[in-house]
Every structure is written in C-alpha cells, then in structure tokens.
C-alpha cells in the first residue's frame, strides 16, 4: 500500500504530511528537510531547546477548526419552521 503524502503550509512553513511523520522544509538551508516524529524534530533548535518553529507549525495544523453555525431562527420564523400544518 502506498503512503499518501499531503503538502501543506502552516505559519509560513512548508510541510509534507506523511501518514507516520511530517517533513518540514528549512528556511535557512534550502533543500534541507527536518523530520518530525513522535513530538520531536531533527533540527538543531529542537536539539538545544526541545522546541522549535517546525513543531509549532505542525501543532497549528493539528488544531481543530471551529465551525461557525448559523444563528437559529427565533420568533415567528422559528414557529413557521416548526409548524405541523405544512
């Protein structure tokens, strides 16, 4: 079975989302990609600080998107919708 690869962008970072890990393109070293797996990153920043902008970008992708629902009708409009005479 082939691995599905999805290319996305988050916080200005280019991300290749694989089923089992993410690859994030380096901005300072073109052609370099950092591997993110199990909450860790292969970049030097993560090595020193245990956090980095690559992890933040992937975390932003994982945030649930809030859906704004339309406001429910009130008053006569609501009564028309609930009418049994239709």
C-alpha atoms as a PDB file:
ATOM      1  CA  UNK A   1       0.000   0.000   0.000  1.00  0.00           C
ATOM      2  CA  UNK A   2       1.422   3.385  -0.994  1.00  0.00           C
ATOM      3  CA  UNK A   3       1.967   6.139   1.559  1.00  0.00           C
ATOM      4  CA  UNK A   4      -0.195   9.187   0.992  1.00  0.00           C
ATOM      5  CA  UNK A   5       1.720  12.492   1.043  1.00  0.00           C
ATOM      6  CA  UNK A   6      -0.085  15.776   1.565  1.00  0.00           C
ATOM      7  CA  UNK A   7       1.708  19.104   1.089  1.00  0.00           C
ATOM      8  CA  UNK A   8       0.527  21.910   3.367  1.00  0.00           C
ATOM      9  CA  UNK A   9       1.637  25.273   4.692  1.00  0.00           C
ATOM     10  CA  UNK A  10       1.347  26.469   8.279  1.00  0.00           C
ATOM     11  CA  UNK A  11       2.909  29.509   9.970  1.00  0.00           C
ATOM     12  CA  UNK A  12       4.886  30.102   6.775  1.00  0.00           C
ATOM     13  CA  UNK A  13       6.437  26.632   6.916  1.00  0.00           C
ATOM     14  CA  UNK A  14       6.192  24.151   4.031  1.00  0.00           C
ATOM     15  CA  UNK A  15       5.125  20.756   5.378  1.00  0.00           C
ATOM     16  CA  UNK A  16       4.909  17.328   3.782  1.00  0.00           C
ATOM     17  CA  UNK A  17       2.462  15.329   5.868  1.00  0.00           C
ATOM     18  CA  UNK A  18       3.022  11.596   5.640  1.00  0.00           C
ATOM     19  CA  UNK A  19       0.910   9.067   7.466  1.00  0.00           C
ATOM     20  CA  UNK A  20       3.585   8.363  10.082  1.00  0.00           C
ATOM     21  CA  UNK A  21       5.633  11.607  10.242  1.00  0.00           C
ATOM     22  CA  UNK A  22       5.982  15.131   8.850  1.00  0.00           C
ATOM     23  CA  UNK A  23       8.818  16.725   6.901  1.00  0.00           C
ATOM     24  CA  UNK A  24       9.247  20.500   7.261  1.00  0.00           C
ATOM     25  CA  UNK A  25      11.407  22.483   4.836  1.00  0.00           C
ATOM     26  CA  UNK A  26      14.258  24.521   6.286  1.00  0.00           C
ATOM     27  CA  UNK A  27      14.070  28.256   5.559  1.00  0.00           C
ATOM     28  CA  UNK A  28      17.758  28.856   6.335  1.00  0.00           C
ATOM     29  CA  UNK A  29      19.119  25.867   4.386  1.00  0.00           C
ATOM     30  CA  UNK A  30      17.265  25.419   1.086  1.00  0.00           C
ATOM     31  CA  UNK A  31      16.925  21.760   0.127  1.00  0.00           C
ATOM     32  CA  UNK A  32      17.056  20.598   3.764  1.00  0.00           C
ATOM     33  CA  UNK A  33      14.021  18.974   5.365  1.00  0.00           C
ATOM     34  CA  UNK A  34      13.535  18.278   9.072  1.00  0.00           C
ATOM     35  CA  UNK A  35      11.839  15.099  10.226  1.00  0.00           C
ATOM     36  CA  UNK A  36       9.115  15.414  12.856  1.00  0.00           C
ATOM     37  CA  UNK A  37       8.034  12.239  14.568  1.00  0.00           C
ATOM     38  CA  UNK A  38       6.503  11.482  17.974  1.00  0.00           C
ATOM     39  CA  UNK A  39       6.693  15.125  19.107  1.00  0.00           C
ATOM     40  CA  UNK A  40      10.370  15.580  18.233  1.00  0.00           C
ATOM     41  CA  UNK A  41      12.193  17.397  15.429  1.00  0.00           C
ATOM     42  CA  UNK A  42      15.573  16.667  13.823  1.00  0.00           C
ATOM     43  CA  UNK A  43      16.594  20.379  13.685  1.00  0.00           C
ATOM     44  CA  UNK A  44      19.352  21.960  15.824  1.00  0.00           C
ATOM     45  CA  UNK A  45      16.852  24.256  17.556  1.00  0.00           C
ATOM     46  CA  UNK A  46      14.948  21.272  18.939  1.00  0.00           C
ATOM     47  CA  UNK A  47      18.221  19.637  19.946  1.00  0.00           C
ATOM     48  CA  UNK A  48      19.073  22.669  22.142  1.00  0.00           C
ATOM     49  CA  UNK A  49      15.645  23.908  23.331  1.00  0.00           C
ATOM     50  CA  UNK A  50      13.409  20.830  22.996  1.00  0.00           C
ATOM     51  CA  UNK A  51      11.019  23.009  20.962  1.00  0.00           C
ATOM     52  CA  UNK A  52      11.164  24.700  17.552  1.00  0.00           C
ATOM     53  CA  UNK A  53       9.115  26.545  14.946  1.00  0.00           C
ATOM     54  CA  UNK A  54       8.708  23.334  12.937  1.00  0.00           C
ATOM     55  CA  UNK A  55       6.858  21.663  15.831  1.00  0.00           C
ATOM     56  CA  UNK A  56       4.751  24.808  16.288  1.00  0.00           C
ATOM     57  CA  UNK A  57       3.759  24.779  12.606  1.00  0.00           C
ATOM     58  CA  UNK A  58       2.693  21.133  12.731  1.00  0.00           C
ATOM     59  CA  UNK A  59       0.809  21.730  16.000  1.00  0.00           C
ATOM     60  CA  UNK A  60      -1.066  24.586  14.299  1.00  0.00           C
ATOM     61  CA  UNK A  61      -2.175  22.163  11.572  1.00  0.00           C
ATOM     62  CA  UNK A  62      -3.492  19.765  14.205  1.00  0.00           C
ATOM     63  CA  UNK A  63      -5.688  22.363  15.933  1.00  0.00           C
ATOM     64  CA  UNK A  64      -9.376  21.689  15.438  1.00  0.00           C
ATOM     65  CA  UNK A  65     -11.107  24.210  13.229  1.00  0.00           C
ATOM     66  CA  UNK A  66     -14.097  25.830  14.892  1.00  0.00           C
ATOM     67  CA  UNK A  67     -17.159  25.873  12.711  1.00  0.00           C
ATOM     68  CA  UNK A  68     -19.428  28.866  12.959  1.00  0.00           C
ATOM     69  CA  UNK A  69     -23.005  27.690  12.829  1.00  0.00           C
ATOM     70  CA  UNK A  70     -25.757  29.962  11.563  1.00  0.00           C
ATOM     71  CA  UNK A  71     -27.855  31.601  14.225  1.00  0.00           C
ATOM     72  CA  UNK A  72     -31.057  29.692  14.948  1.00  0.00           C
ATOM     73  CA  UNK A  73     -34.250  31.456  13.911  1.00  0.00           C
ATOM     74  CA  UNK A  74     -36.336  32.999  16.677  1.00  0.00           C
ATOM     75  CA  UNK A  75     -39.834  34.371  16.998  1.00  0.00           C
ATOM     76  CA  UNK A  76     -42.277  33.883  14.118  1.00  0.00           C
ATOM     77  CA  UNK A  77     -39.590  32.436  11.838  1.00  0.00           C
ATOM     78  CA  UNK A  78     -38.919  29.651  14.333  1.00  0.00           C
ATOM     79  CA  UNK A  79     -42.639  28.978  14.694  1.00  0.00           C
ATOM     80  CA  UNK A  80     -43.040  28.743  10.896  1.00  0.00           C
ATOM     81  CA  UNK A  81     -40.228  26.171  10.766  1.00  0.00           C
ATOM     82  CA  UNK A  82     -41.896  24.077  13.469  1.00  0.00           C
ATOM     83  CA  UNK A  83     -45.427  24.301  12.063  1.00  0.00           C
ATOM     84  CA  UNK A  84     -47.184  20.990  11.578  1.00  0.00           C
ATOM     85  CA  UNK A  85     -49.584  22.459   9.002  1.00  0.00           C
ATOM     86  CA  UNK A  86     -47.102  22.221   6.106  1.00  0.00           C
END
